[in-house]
Amino acid sequence: LRYEWSTPYSERHNHIQFSDFAGDSGIAVPIDVPGVLTRSGSLAGTTMFPNSDTRNAAVDRNNWAPRLGFAYALTPNTVIRGGTGIYYGLNPATNFQFTGTAFGNFTPIRFTKDNFQTQFATL
């Protein structure tokens, strides 16, 4: 029996940034193509700054993984081995595919609708 506890990454000074491409950016986008369609939608995507208390994903604490294996020696030089069990993949919180440093040697352009009280469209 194996217990796997995977926690999301954090950074000592909370300088880690995650792009949430499904998050609501708060920007309404009118779509108007004359003669084809007229509708409105919202622009998805925002940036999150998780800290040690608010990580980018929840901590998964219930990964109990029973396993069973066997080995059989057919001859002194031939062994058949096998096994099965429950194996947990990579926790989404530890997948650094969409992470980056939040503070760099550049000046990002920030757009807001409420005098920078919340952050919009920073992708």
Protein backbone atom coordinates (compact mmCIF):
# COMPACT_ATOMS: atom_id res chain seq x y z
CA LEU A 1 0.00 0.00 0.00
CA ARG A 2 1.40 3.36 -1.02
CA TYR A 3 0.35 6.90 -0.10
CA GLU A 4 1.16 9.71 -2.53
CA TRP A 5 0.75 13.29 -1.40
CA SER A 6 1.38 15.88 -4.06
CA THR A 7 1.35 19.54 -3.13
CA PRO A 8 1.29 22.45 -5.55
CA TYR A 9 4.48 24.41 -5.97
CA SER A 10 5.01 27.63 -4.10
CA GLU A 11 7.80 30.18 -4.06
CA ARG A 12 9.39 31.69 -0.99
CA HIS A 13 8.55 35.30 -1.89
CA ASN A 14 5.33 34.51 -3.81
CA HIS A 15 6.83 35.57 -7.14
CA ILE A 16 5.24 32.75 -9.10
CA GLN A 17 2.63 33.42 -11.76
CA PHE A 18 0.19 31.07 -13.48
CA SER A 19 -1.77 31.79 -16.63
CA ASP A 20 -5.36 30.67 -16.35
CA PHE A 21 -6.57 30.50 -19.93
CA ALA A 22 -10.12 29.60 -18.86
CA GLY A 23 -10.41 32.32 -16.22
CA ASP A 24 -12.68 35.30 -16.71
CA SER A 25 -10.70 38.34 -17.77
CA GLY A 26 -13.64 40.68 -17.22
CA ILE A 27 -13.47 42.01 -20.77
CA ALA A 28 -16.60 41.83 -22.92
CA VAL A 29 -15.86 41.45 -26.60
CA PRO A 30 -18.51 42.39 -29.15
CA ILE A 31 -18.39 40.18 -32.22
CA ASP A 32 -19.96 41.90 -35.20
CA VAL A 33 -19.41 40.56 -38.68
CA PRO A 34 -21.84 42.32 -41.01
CA GLY A 35 -24.14 39.88 -42.74
CA VAL A 36 -22.73 36.88 -40.89
CA LEU A 37 -23.27 37.11 -37.15
CA THR A 38 -23.76 39.58 -34.36
CA ARG A 39 -23.21 38.49 -30.78
CA SER A 40 -21.08 39.31 -27.81
CA GLY A 41 -18.85 37.19 -25.62
CA SER A 42 -16.15 37.52 -23.04
CA LEU A 43 -12.41 37.29 -23.43
CA ALA A 44 -11.07 34.36 -21.44
CA GLY A 45 -7.67 34.34 -19.80
CA THR A 46 -6.10 36.00 -16.81
CA THR A 47 -3.01 35.75 -14.63
CA MET A 48 -3.02 34.36 -11.09
CA PHE A 49 -0.47 35.06 -8.36
CA PRO A 50 -0.86 32.20 -5.86
CA ASN A 51 0.87 32.42 -2.52
CA SER A 52 1.56 29.75 0.08
CA ASP A 53 -2.02 29.94 1.36
CA THR A 54 -3.76 30.24 -2.01
CA ARG A 55 -1.94 27.90 -4.34
CA ASN A 56 -2.86 27.43 -7.98
CA ALA A 57 -4.61 24.10 -7.22
CA ALA A 58 -5.98 22.29 -4.22
CA VAL A 59 -3.77 19.88 -2.28
CA ASP A 60 -4.77 16.28 -3.03
CA ARG A 61 -4.51 14.30 0.21
CA ASN A 62 -6.40 11.09 -0.61
CA ASN A 63 -4.10 9.25 -3.03
CA TRP A 64 -3.99 5.75 -1.54
CA ALA A 65 -2.46 3.42 -4.09
CA PRO A 66 -2.64 -0.34 -3.50
CA ARG A 67 -0.14 -2.33 -5.56
CA LEU A 68 0.49 -6.00 -6.19
CA GLY A 69 3.51 -7.56 -7.85
CA PHE A 70 5.06 -10.94 -8.49
CA ALA A 71 8.31 -12.47 -9.70
CA TYR A 72 8.84 -16.06 -10.84
CA ALA A 73 12.20 -17.61 -11.72
CA LEU A 74 11.78 -19.94 -14.70
CA THR A 75 15.49 -20.71 -14.82
CA PRO A 76 18.49 -19.28 -12.98
CA ASN A 77 18.84 -16.70 -15.81
CA THR A 78 15.15 -16.03 -16.66
CA VAL A 79 12.70 -14.25 -14.39
CA ILE A 80 9.12 -13.26 -15.18
CA ARG A 81 7.95 -10.19 -13.32
CA GLY A 82 4.65 -8.39 -13.33
CA GLY A 83 2.53 -6.10 -11.30
CA THR A 84 -0.57 -4.01 -11.13
CA GLY A 85 -1.88 -1.22 -9.00
CA ILE A 86 -3.30 2.25 -8.87
CA TYR A 87 -0.84 4.87 -10.11
CA TYR A 88 -1.46 8.59 -9.92
CA GLY A 89 -0.30 10.82 -12.72
CA LEU A 90 1.19 14.25 -12.49
CA ASN A 91 -0.76 16.59 -10.26
CA PRO A 92 -2.02 19.59 -12.26
CA ALA A 93 -0.57 21.80 -9.56
CA THR A 94 2.94 20.57 -10.27
CA ASN A 95 2.70 20.93 -14.04
CA PHE A 96 4.89 23.90 -14.90
CA GLN A 97 3.75 24.08 -18.51
CA PHE A 98 1.94 27.38 -18.01
CA THR A 99 3.99 28.95 -15.25
CA GLY A 100 6.51 31.70 -15.37
CA THR A 101 8.16 34.28 -13.23
CA ALA A 102 5.93 37.16 -12.34
CA PHE A 103 8.69 39.71 -12.01
CA GLY A 104 11.20 40.23 -14.79
CA ASN A 105 13.25 42.89 -16.55
CA PHE A 106 10.36 44.14 -18.64
CA THR A 107 7.33 46.38 -18.29
CA PRO A 108 4.03 44.63 -18.93
CA ILE A 109 1.00 46.51 -20.21
CA ARG A 110 -1.95 46.23 -17.86
CA PHE A 111 -5.52 47.07 -18.80
CA THR A 112 -8.26 47.53 -16.21
CA LYS A 113 -11.77 48.88 -16.04
CA ASP A 114 -11.76 49.83 -12.35
CA ASN A 115 -8.63 51.92 -11.77
CA PHE A 116 -6.37 48.88 -11.25
CA GLN A 117 -8.42 47.36 -8.43
CA THR A 118 -8.48 44.08 -10.37
CA GLN A 119 -6.27 42.81 -13.16
CA PHE A 120 -7.58 42.21 -16.69
CA ALA A 121 -6.13 40.92 -19.94
CA THR A 122 -2.54 40.49 -18.89
CA LEU A 123 -1.76 37.63 -21.28
